[in-house]
Amino acid sequence: MPILALPDHLVNQIAAGEVVERPSSVLKELMENALDASATQITVDVTEGGTKRLKVRDDGCGIAPEELSMAVSRHATSKISSLDDLINVSSLGFRGEALPSIASVSRLSIASRTDNHDHGFEIEVVNGECSEPAPLPHPAGTTIEVQDLFYNVPARRKFLRTARTEYSHLEQVFIRIALSNFDVAFTLTHNGRVTRNLPMATTRESQEKRLADLISNEFVEHCFYIENHSSTFQLRGWIAVPTFSRSQADRQYFFLNGRMIRDKVISHGVRLGYQDVLFHGRHPAYVLSLFMDPSKVDVNAHPAKMEVRFRDSRSVHEFVFRTVEQALAQTQPGSGIDPVPAQPQALTHDPRGGAYPAQSLPLHQHSGVDSRMAYEAFTQPYQNSSPGASEQNRDIAESPVAFDPNDDLPLGLAVAQLHAIYVLAQNKAGLVLVDMHAAHERINYERLKKEH
């Protein structure tokens, strides 16, 4: 068979295999285009999980009528024009593949108006054929509508799941983009019903309200804000206290320069920051954003732009790890007050009062530990947050201390020893049961860390 140039429409369909996997992939590309157009309001309207219809409207800068047909041409983009632009790319999109790929596997229409025109213009793309721009009434901004995804690629359409499943994937993309752009208002409608309505969130209070709406109230109640700056990096966001750990990594959101990414270097750095306070097999919860020089990271690793390559991955890993580790170390269990950071100009955070006293200690069968050592073991890690605790610990074996409900000892006062294995203590919240051997291991571990 002779070598032949493939038709443009077939080339776009091949490219769609990498860019367009399901309706959520389409939504990601269209929402990122809207953000690149400086939109402050993005409305998403989907039908049947996006398989039947998916429409994204924004109030961005719009597309000039003479550029509408160019927008659906392969490798046509307004984001970059040279290799230097590609190396320093700061926009979310830049490859010029999304719109032509989407148009090749759906019925696509684009309506847009710029501030320089009194009315908008619309084009339609069906089977790779683009119509001439036609005038129509339209507010400033752009509306892109995708209908019948994969209607002309039956093999791909068979891989789509139920409308409910596709909508769940689509909603996750919507949530991730909304969590990385607090200064933009978002609305999501499914089958004619508004499911998400998010106003702009420019204050810490409104941002945490968005977190509660998109993740859960429980996450907000158990997280605290961190922010760390260096000469090359800035990391800010919310991390949950260790007691809010998860059985799966379903509450982990990380963004790089506003772009949602999946990266092993980042995820390992965060997990390493939790290593001293998290059970094996549990996963931390966080919403974090890292900002750095775009030239120090390659975002052109994959057409979906979810994977990146850092020029110096070790320094990125170290910065993320140390920031999370220091933030958790400065959280005083049971204090209920904001800890004072060691370097306020570099690291600031404001815990919301969550405490994690005993759950990070595993249980082991053990005997032969006297009550004085046991009590000191399970209270010593928390003495810094409880003035007067050390004096009470020294006297506990000889003379029992009467319980005072006003005392703020994280693990309370020992009242009994059970089977020479556990200590039963009482605090303001109720009863605490502690494995003496595990507590003794913990205090030895903390002592070794401090000496090191």
Protein backbone atom coordinates (compact mmCIF):
# COMPACT_ATOMS: atom_id res chain seq x y z
CA MET A 1 0.00 0.00 0.00
CA PRO A 2 1.46 3.38 -0.96
CA ILE A 3 2.14 6.07 1.63
CA LEU A 4 -0.70 8.59 1.64
CA ALA A 5 -1.52 11.69 3.66
CA LEU A 6 -4.52 11.07 5.92
CA PRO A 7 -7.56 13.33 5.56
CA ASP A 8 -7.76 16.06 8.20
CA HIS A 9 -11.03 14.69 9.58
CA LEU A 10 -9.45 11.26 10.15
CA VAL A 11 -6.38 12.83 11.74
CA ASN A 12 -8.64 14.71 14.14
CA GLN A 13 -10.49 11.52 15.04
CA ILE A 14 -7.20 9.81 15.80
CA ALA A 15 -6.19 12.74 18.00
CA ALA A 16 -9.59 12.57 19.71
CA GLY A 17 -8.60 9.14 21.02
CA GLU A 18 -6.08 10.84 23.29
CA VAL A 19 -7.95 14.05 24.09
CA VAL A 20 -11.59 12.91 24.26
CA GLU A 21 -12.18 9.83 26.38
CA ARG A 22 -15.67 10.62 27.69
CA PRO A 23 -17.92 13.67 28.31
CA SER A 24 -15.80 14.70 31.31
CA SER A 25 -12.79 15.05 28.98
CA VAL A 26 -14.80 17.41 26.78
CA LEU A 27 -15.87 19.46 29.79
CA LYS A 28 -12.28 19.80 31.02
CA GLU A 29 -11.09 21.18 27.68
CA LEU A 30 -14.01 23.60 27.28
CA MET A 31 -13.81 24.93 30.85
CA GLU A 32 -10.06 25.44 30.56
CA ASN A 33 -10.59 27.39 27.34
CA ALA A 34 -13.12 29.57 29.15
CA LEU A 35 -10.64 30.24 31.98
CA ASP A 36 -7.93 31.12 29.45
CA ALA A 37 -10.39 33.65 28.01
CA SER A 38 -10.46 35.41 31.43
CA ALA A 39 -14.03 34.35 32.20
CA THR A 40 -15.49 35.30 35.60
CA GLN A 41 -18.72 33.31 35.16
CA ILE A 42 -18.89 29.81 33.65
CA THR A 43 -22.18 27.96 33.19
CA VAL A 44 -22.27 24.26 32.34
CA ASP A 45 -25.48 22.63 31.11
CA VAL A 46 -25.50 18.88 30.39
CA THR A 47 -28.10 16.31 29.38
CA GLU A 48 -27.87 12.58 30.10
CA GLY A 49 -24.47 12.84 31.70
CA GLY A 50 -23.11 14.84 28.78
CA THR A 51 -23.51 12.04 26.26
CA LYS A 52 -26.53 13.70 24.63
CA ARG A 53 -25.63 17.35 25.07
CA LEU A 54 -22.97 19.41 26.82
CA LYS A 55 -22.95 23.21 26.71
CA VAL A 56 -20.43 25.60 28.28
CA ARG A 57 -21.07 29.34 28.33
CA ASP A 58 -18.61 31.96 29.61
CA ASP A 59 -18.31 35.74 29.80
CA GLY A 60 -14.73 35.84 28.57
CA CYS A 61 -13.11 37.86 25.79
CA GLY A 62 -14.92 36.00 23.00
CA ILE A 63 -13.75 34.95 19.53
CA ALA A 64 -13.71 37.30 16.55
CA PRO A 65 -15.99 36.15 13.68
CA GLU A 66 -13.10 35.85 11.24
CA GLU A 67 -11.33 33.47 13.70
CA LEU A 68 -14.24 31.13 14.43
CA SER A 69 -13.47 28.67 11.65
CA MET A 70 -9.77 28.81 12.57
CA ALA A 71 -10.69 27.80 16.15
CA VAL A 72 -11.71 24.33 14.95
CA SER A 73 -8.63 23.90 12.75
CA ARG A 74 -5.93 21.52 13.91
CA HIS A 75 -3.02 23.09 15.80
CA ALA A 76 -4.56 26.56 15.69
CA THR A 77 -4.24 28.40 19.01
CA SER A 78 -4.00 31.89 20.45
CA LYS A 79 -1.96 30.72 23.47
CA ILE A 80 1.52 30.30 21.94
CA SER A 81 3.34 31.37 18.80
CA SER A 82 6.96 30.28 19.37
CA LEU A 83 9.09 27.70 21.16
CA ASP A 84 9.83 30.23 23.87
CA ASP A 85 6.10 30.59 24.51
CA LEU A 86 5.82 26.81 24.82
CA ILE A 87 8.65 26.65 27.35
CA ASN A 88 7.06 29.39 29.45
CA VAL A 89 3.41 28.49 28.85
CA SER A 90 1.12 29.76 31.60
CA SER A 91 -2.25 29.11 29.95
CA LEU A 92 -4.21 25.93 30.61
CA GLY A 93 -4.58 25.12 26.90
CA PHE A 94 -1.97 25.60 24.20
CA ARG A 95 -1.85 22.57 21.86
CA GLY A 96 -4.72 23.59 19.56
CA GLU A 97 -6.09 20.04 19.45
CA ALA A 98 -9.14 20.09 21.72
CA LEU A 99 -11.80 21.80 19.57
CA PRO A 100 -11.00 20.03 16.27
CA SER A 101 -10.81 16.69 18.10
CA ILE A 102 -14.16 17.26 19.80
CA ALA A 103 -15.71 18.46 16.53
CA SER A 104 -14.57 15.29 14.75
CA VAL A 105 -16.57 13.00 17.07
CA SER A 106 -19.67 15.13 17.73
CA ARG A 107 -21.97 17.82 16.41
CA LEU A 108 -20.33 21.04 17.51
CA SER A 109 -21.51 24.64 17.46
CA ILE A 110 -19.67 27.76 18.62
CA ALA A 111 -21.38 31.10 19.22
CA SER A 112 -19.32 34.06 20.38
CA ARG A 113 -19.20 37.83 20.63
CA THR A 114 -16.32 40.15 21.41
CA ASP A 115 -16.64 43.60 22.93
CA ASN A 116 -15.90 45.09 19.49
CA HIS A 117 -19.12 43.76 17.94
CA ASP A 118 -22.76 44.57 18.53
CA HIS A 119 -23.88 40.98 18.01
CA GLY A 120 -22.42 37.50 17.99
CA PHE A 121 -21.62 34.99 15.28
CA GLU A 122 -22.10 31.23 15.16
CA ILE A 123 -20.56 28.32 13.28
CA GLU A 124 -21.52 24.64 13.17
CA VAL A 125 -19.25 21.68 12.49
CA VAL A 126 -20.75 18.39 11.33
CA ASN A 127 -18.67 15.51 9.89
CA GLY A 128 -15.67 17.79 9.71
CA GLU A 129 -17.47 20.40 7.61
CA CYS A 130 -17.53 23.90 9.09
CA SER A 131 -20.27 26.37 8.16
CA GLU A 132 -19.77 30.03 7.47
CA PRO A 133 -20.15 32.37 10.50
CA ALA A 134 -23.78 33.44 10.84
CA PRO A 135 -24.89 36.45 12.91
CA LEU A 136 -27.06 35.91 15.98
CA PRO A 137 -27.84 37.67 19.28
CA HIS A 138 -25.31 36.71 21.94
CA PRO A 139 -23.89 38.32 25.08
CA ALA A 140 -20.17 39.03 25.33
CA GLY A 141 -18.32 35.75 25.67
CA THR A 142 -18.54 32.31 24.11
CA THR A 143 -20.99 29.40 24.11
CA ILE A 144 -19.86 25.99 22.89
CA GLU A 145 -22.39 23.18 22.51
CA VAL A 146 -21.45 19.54 21.93
CA GLN A 147 -24.21 17.12 20.94
CA ASP A 148 -24.31 13.35 20.38
CA LEU A 149 -20.77 12.55 21.45
CA PHE A 150 -19.24 9.70 19.39
CA TYR A 151 -22.33 9.50 17.16
CA ASN A 152 -20.05 8.80 14.18
CA VAL A 153 -17.68 6.46 16.05
CA PRO A 154 -19.92 3.60 17.25
CA ALA A 155 -16.99 1.61 18.65
CA ARG A 156 -16.09 4.48 21.00
CA ARG A 157 -19.69 5.11 21.99
CA LYS A 158 -20.05 1.51 23.19
CA PHE A 159 -17.42 2.21 25.85
CA LEU A 160 -19.50 4.97 27.44
CA ARG A 161 -21.19 4.02 30.71
CA THR A 162 -24.62 4.89 31.99
CA ALA A 163 -25.65 8.53 32.12
CA ARG A 164 -25.34 8.45 35.91
CA THR A 165 -21.76 7.15 35.78
CA GLU A 166 -20.72 9.62 33.10
CA TYR A 167 -22.24 12.45 35.10
CA SER A 168 -20.27 11.45 38.20
CA HIS A 169 -17.02 11.67 36.19
CA LEU A 170 -18.10 14.98 34.70
CA GLU A 171 -19.00 16.38 38.14
CA GLN A 172 -15.56 15.48 39.48
CA VAL A 173 -13.93 17.52 36.71
CA PHE A 174 -16.27 20.42 37.50
CA ILE A 175 -15.38 20.20 41.21
CA ARG A 176 -11.64 20.15 40.58
CA ILE A 177 -11.74 23.17 38.31
CA ALA A 178 -13.98 25.06 40.75
CA LEU A 179 -11.54 24.31 43.59
CA SER A 180 -8.63 25.79 41.65
CA ASN A 181 -10.41 29.01 40.60
CA PHE A 182 -12.08 30.64 43.60
CA ASP A 183 -12.30 33.99 41.79
CA VAL A 184 -14.67 32.55 39.17
CA ALA A 185 -18.39 31.80 39.61
CA PHE A 186 -19.61 28.41 38.38
CA THR A 187 -23.02 26.86 37.70
CA LEU A 188 -23.72 23.24 36.79
CA THR A 189 -27.08 22.07 35.47
CA HIS A 190 -27.99 18.45 34.72
CA ASN A 191 -31.17 17.50 32.88
CA GLY A 192 -32.64 20.94 33.55
CA ARG A 193 -31.90 20.91 37.30
CA VAL A 194 -29.23 23.12 38.90
CA THR A 195 -26.93 20.83 40.89
CA ARG A 196 -24.09 23.26 41.67
CA ASN A 197 -24.30 27.01 42.04
CA LEU A 198 -21.05 28.57 43.22
CA PRO A 199 -20.60 32.34 43.53
CA MET A 200 -17.16 33.93 43.49
CA ALA A 201 -15.17 33.18 46.65
CA THR A 202 -12.70 35.98 47.33
CA THR A 203 -12.48 35.71 51.15
CA ARG A 204 -11.23 32.85 53.32
CA GLU A 205 -14.73 32.36 54.71
CA SER A 206 -16.35 32.14 51.27
CA GLN A 207 -13.59 29.84 50.03
CA GLU A 208 -14.17 27.44 52.90
CA LYS A 209 -17.88 27.56 52.16
CA ARG A 210 -17.07 26.42 48.61
CA LEU A 211 -14.94 23.64 50.07
CA ALA A 212 -17.88 22.55 52.20
CA ASP A 213 -20.24 22.66 49.21
CA LEU A 214 -17.92 20.70 46.92
CA ILE A 215 -16.23 18.29 49.33
CA SER A 216 -18.06 18.16 52.68
CA ASN A 217 -18.69 20.10 55.87
CA GLU A 218 -16.74 17.42 57.71
CA PHE A 219 -13.63 18.15 55.66
CA VAL A 220 -13.79 21.86 56.49
CA GLU A 221 -14.27 21.10 60.18
CA HIS A 222 -11.15 18.92 60.23
CA CYS A 223 -8.79 20.93 58.01
CA PHE A 224 -6.64 24.01 58.42
CA TYR A 225 -5.14 26.50 56.03
CA ILE A 226 -1.41 26.57 55.27
CA GLU A 227 0.69 28.92 53.20
CA ASN A 228 4.42 28.75 52.58
CA HIS A 229 6.64 30.90 50.37
CA SER A 230 10.19 30.51 49.16
CA SER A 231 12.23 32.20 46.48
CA THR A 232 11.02 29.68 43.89
CA PHE A 233 7.79 28.14 45.21
CA GLN A 234 4.51 29.09 46.83
CA LEU A 235 2.24 26.44 48.35
CA ARG A 236 -1.13 27.22 49.85
CA GLY A 237 -4.37 25.47 50.60
CA TRP A 238 -6.00 23.23 53.18
CA ILE A 239 -4.83 19.98 54.73
CA ALA A 240 -6.88 17.78 57.03
CA VAL A 241 -5.77 16.65 60.48
CA PRO A 242 -4.59 13.02 60.58
CA THR A 243 -7.77 11.76 62.23
CA PHE A 244 -9.66 12.68 59.05
CA SER A 245 -7.66 10.16 57.03
CA ARG A 246 -9.44 8.18 54.35
CA SER A 247 -9.44 4.55 53.26
CA GLN A 248 -8.91 5.74 49.66
CA ALA A 249 -7.37 8.78 48.01
CA ASP A 250 -10.71 10.39 47.12
CA ARG A 251 -10.16 13.71 48.92
CA GLN A 252 -6.89 14.74 47.36
CA TYR A 253 -6.86 17.77 45.07
CA PHE A 254 -3.60 19.26 43.85
CA PHE A 255 -3.14 22.09 41.37
CA LEU A 256 -0.03 23.45 39.70
CA ASN A 257 -0.25 27.06 38.53
CA GLY A 258 -4.03 26.65 38.46
CA ARG A 259 -3.88 23.40 36.47
CA MET A 260 -5.24 20.17 37.98
CA ILE A 261 -2.58 17.50 37.79
CA ARG A 262 -1.78 13.94 38.84
CA ASP A 263 1.86 13.60 39.84
CA LYS A 264 3.69 10.94 41.86
CA VAL A 265 6.33 13.40 43.07
CA ILE A 266 3.69 15.65 44.60
CA SER A 267 1.53 12.90 46.09
CA HIS A 268 4.57 11.22 47.66
CA GLY A 269 5.77 14.53 49.11
CA VAL A 270 2.42 15.17 50.80
CA ARG A 271 2.18 11.60 52.07
CA LEU A 272 5.71 11.79 53.46
CA GLY A 273 4.69 14.89 55.41
CA TYR A 274 1.99 12.78 57.08
CA GLN A 275 4.19 9.73 57.71
CA ASP A 276 4.60 10.26 61.46
CA VAL A 277 0.91 10.78 62.18
CA LEU A 278 -0.94 8.53 59.74
CA PHE A 279 -1.80 4.84 59.88
CA HIS A 280 -0.37 2.61 57.19
CA GLY A 281 -2.93 2.14 54.44
CA ARG A 282 -4.74 5.41 55.22
CA HIS A 283 -4.75 8.45 52.91
CA PRO A 284 -4.62 12.15 53.84
CA ALA A 285 -7.16 14.68 52.60
CA TYR A 286 -6.09 18.03 51.14
CA VAL A 287 -6.72 20.81 48.65
CA LEU A 288 -3.37 22.37 47.73
CA SER A 289 -2.11 24.73 45.04
CA LEU A 290 1.55 25.07 44.07
CA PHE A 291 2.81 28.08 42.12
CA MET A 292 6.21 28.18 40.45
CA ASP A 293 8.03 29.47 37.39
CA PRO A 294 6.32 27.88 34.32
CA SER A 295 9.70 27.43 32.67
CA LYS A 296 10.69 25.00 35.46
CA VAL A 297 7.98 22.49 34.58
CA ASP A 298 7.01 20.76 31.34
CA VAL A 299 3.22 20.59 30.93
CA ASN A 300 3.47 19.19 27.41
CA ALA A 301 4.01 15.61 28.56
CA HIS A 302 0.62 14.31 27.37
CA PRO A 303 -2.24 15.68 25.22
CA ALA A 304 -4.63 15.52 28.20
CA LYS A 305 -2.21 17.82 30.12
CA MET A 306 -2.82 16.02 33.42
CA GLU A 307 0.79 14.85 33.72
CA VAL A 308 3.78 17.15 34.14
CA ARG A 309 7.55 16.84 34.37
CA PHE A 310 9.51 19.01 36.78
CA ARG A 311 12.98 20.22 35.82
CA ASP A 312 14.06 19.75 39.44
CA SER A 313 11.65 17.26 40.98
CA ARG A 314 13.76 16.83 44.12
CA SER A 315 13.41 20.46 45.20
CA VAL A 316 9.65 20.38 44.49
CA HIS A 317 9.27 17.19 46.53
CA GLU A 318 11.31 18.62 49.42
CA PHE A 319 9.36 21.88 49.51
CA VAL A 320 5.97 20.14 49.56
CA PHE A 321 7.11 17.57 52.12
CA ARG A 322 8.65 20.11 54.52
CA THR A 323 5.68 22.47 54.29
CA VAL A 324 3.16 19.76 55.19
CA GLU A 325 5.42 18.25 57.86
CA GLN A 326 6.01 21.59 59.61
CA ALA A 327 2.33 22.51 59.47
CA LEU A 328 1.31 19.23 61.11
CA ALA A 329 4.12 19.44 63.68
CA GLN A 330 2.96 22.88 64.81
CA THR A 331 -0.61 21.73 65.35
CA GLN A 332 -0.99 21.32 69.09
CA PRO A 333 -3.37 18.44 69.94
CA GLY A 334 -6.30 19.51 72.08
CA SER A 335 -5.20 23.14 72.32
CA GLY A 336 -8.04 24.57 70.25
CA ILE A 337 -5.93 27.65 69.49
CA ASP A 338 -3.80 28.69 66.56
CA PRO A 339 -0.19 27.52 66.96
CA VAL A 340 2.58 30.04 66.51
CA PRO A 341 4.81 28.98 63.60
CA ALA A 342 8.55 28.84 63.98
CA GLN A 343 8.96 31.23 61.03
CA PRO A 344 5.80 33.36 60.72
CA GLN A 345 7.08 35.10 57.61
CA ALA A 346 7.51 31.78 55.82
CA LEU A 347 4.77 29.53 57.15
CA THR A 348 1.37 30.52 58.51
CA HIS A 349 -1.68 28.40 59.16
CA ASP A 350 -4.82 28.54 61.26
CA PRO A 351 -6.08 25.16 62.55
CA ARG A 352 -9.77 24.96 63.25
CA GLY A 353 -9.38 23.36 66.65
CA GLY A 354 -9.36 19.68 65.61
CA ALA A 355 -7.46 17.35 67.94
CA TYR A 356 -5.98 13.94 67.33
CA PRO A 357 -4.98 12.44 70.68
CA ALA A 358 -5.00 8.67 70.66
CA GLN A 359 -6.05 7.35 67.27
CA SER A 360 -2.54 7.37 65.80
CA LEU A 361 -1.39 4.77 68.37
CA PRO A 362 -1.83 1.13 67.28
CA LEU A 363 -2.80 -1.53 69.83
CA HIS A 364 -0.40 -4.27 70.85
CA GLN A 365 -0.79 -7.07 73.42
CA HIS A 366 1.76 -6.42 76.17
CA SER A 367 2.18 -6.76 79.89
CA GLY A 368 4.68 -5.79 82.56
CA VAL A 369 4.53 -2.00 82.14
CA ASP A 370 3.93 -0.15 85.39
CA SER A 371 1.21 2.45 85.64
CA ARG A 372 3.59 5.40 86.16
CA MET A 373 5.54 4.68 82.95
CA ALA A 374 2.32 4.04 81.06
CA TYR A 375 0.71 7.26 82.16
CA GLU A 376 3.84 9.28 81.40
CA ALA A 377 4.13 7.57 78.03
CA PHE A 378 0.69 8.41 76.79
CA THR A 379 0.66 11.96 78.19
CA GLN A 380 4.21 13.08 77.48
CA PRO A 381 3.69 13.65 73.71
CA TYR A 382 1.02 16.22 74.60
CA GLN A 383 2.61 17.98 77.59
CA ASN A 384 3.59 21.00 75.52
CA SER A 385 -0.07 21.77 74.91
CA SER A 386 -1.10 21.22 78.56
CA PRO A 387 0.54 23.49 81.14
CA GLY A 388 1.15 21.68 84.40
CA ALA A 389 0.80 18.21 82.94
CA SER A 390 4.35 17.12 83.81
CA GLU A 391 3.90 17.87 87.52
CA GLN A 392 0.68 15.87 87.56
CA ASN A 393 2.42 12.98 85.79
CA ARG A 394 5.13 12.75 88.48
CA ASP A 395 2.60 12.50 91.24
CA ILE A 396 0.01 10.27 89.63
CA ALA A 397 1.41 6.95 90.89
CA GLU A 398 1.72 7.98 94.55
CA SER A 399 -1.35 10.17 95.00
CA PRO A 400 -4.39 10.02 92.71
CA VAL A 401 -5.40 13.41 91.32
CA ALA A 402 -9.09 14.30 91.52
CA PHE A 403 -10.60 14.84 88.10
CA ASP A 404 -11.29 18.50 87.31
CA PRO A 405 -13.67 19.03 84.34
CA ASN A 406 -11.89 22.32 83.60
CA ASP A 407 -8.55 20.60 83.00
CA ASP A 408 -7.54 20.58 79.35
CA LEU A 409 -5.26 17.52 79.34
CA PRO A 410 -5.63 15.89 75.91
CA LEU A 411 -5.68 12.37 77.35
CA GLY A 412 -7.10 13.29 80.75
CA LEU A 413 -6.19 11.73 84.12
CA ALA A 414 -5.58 8.01 84.63
CA VAL A 415 -8.27 6.31 86.71
CA ALA A 416 -7.49 2.60 86.25
CA GLN A 417 -5.19 0.00 84.72
CA LEU A 418 -6.85 -2.83 82.78
CA HIS A 419 -5.23 -6.29 82.51
CA ALA A 420 -1.76 -4.69 82.77
CA ILE A 421 -2.21 -3.68 79.14
CA TYR A 422 -4.37 -0.55 78.96
CA VAL A 423 -4.78 2.65 80.95
CA LEU A 424 -8.28 4.05 81.38
CA ALA A 425 -8.29 7.84 81.65
CA GLN A 426 -10.93 10.54 81.97
CA ASN A 427 -10.96 13.91 80.21
CA LYS A 428 -13.54 16.61 79.52
CA ALA A 429 -15.03 14.68 76.59
CA GLY A 430 -15.35 11.31 78.35
CA LEU A 431 -13.20 8.21 78.73
CA VAL A 432 -9.94 7.43 76.90
CA LEU A 433 -8.50 3.91 76.55
CA VAL A 434 -4.77 3.79 75.76
CA ASP A 435 -2.46 0.89 74.95
CA MET A 436 0.47 1.41 77.33
CA HIS A 437 3.05 -0.38 75.19
CA ALA A 438 2.10 1.55 72.05
CA ALA A 439 2.20 4.82 73.99
CA HIS A 440 5.63 3.99 75.35
CA GLU A 441 6.86 3.22 71.83
CA ARG A 442 5.50 6.54 70.64
CA ILE A 443 7.26 8.62 73.29
CA ASN A 444 10.55 6.83 72.62
CA TYR A 445 10.09 7.53 68.92
CA GLU A 446 9.38 11.22 69.56
CA ARG A 447 12.44 11.44 71.86
CA LEU A 448 14.68 9.92 69.18
CA LYS A 449 13.34 12.33 66.57
CA LYS A 450 14.00 15.29 68.86
CA GLU A 451 17.56 14.11 69.60
CA HIS A 452 18.20 13.53 65.90
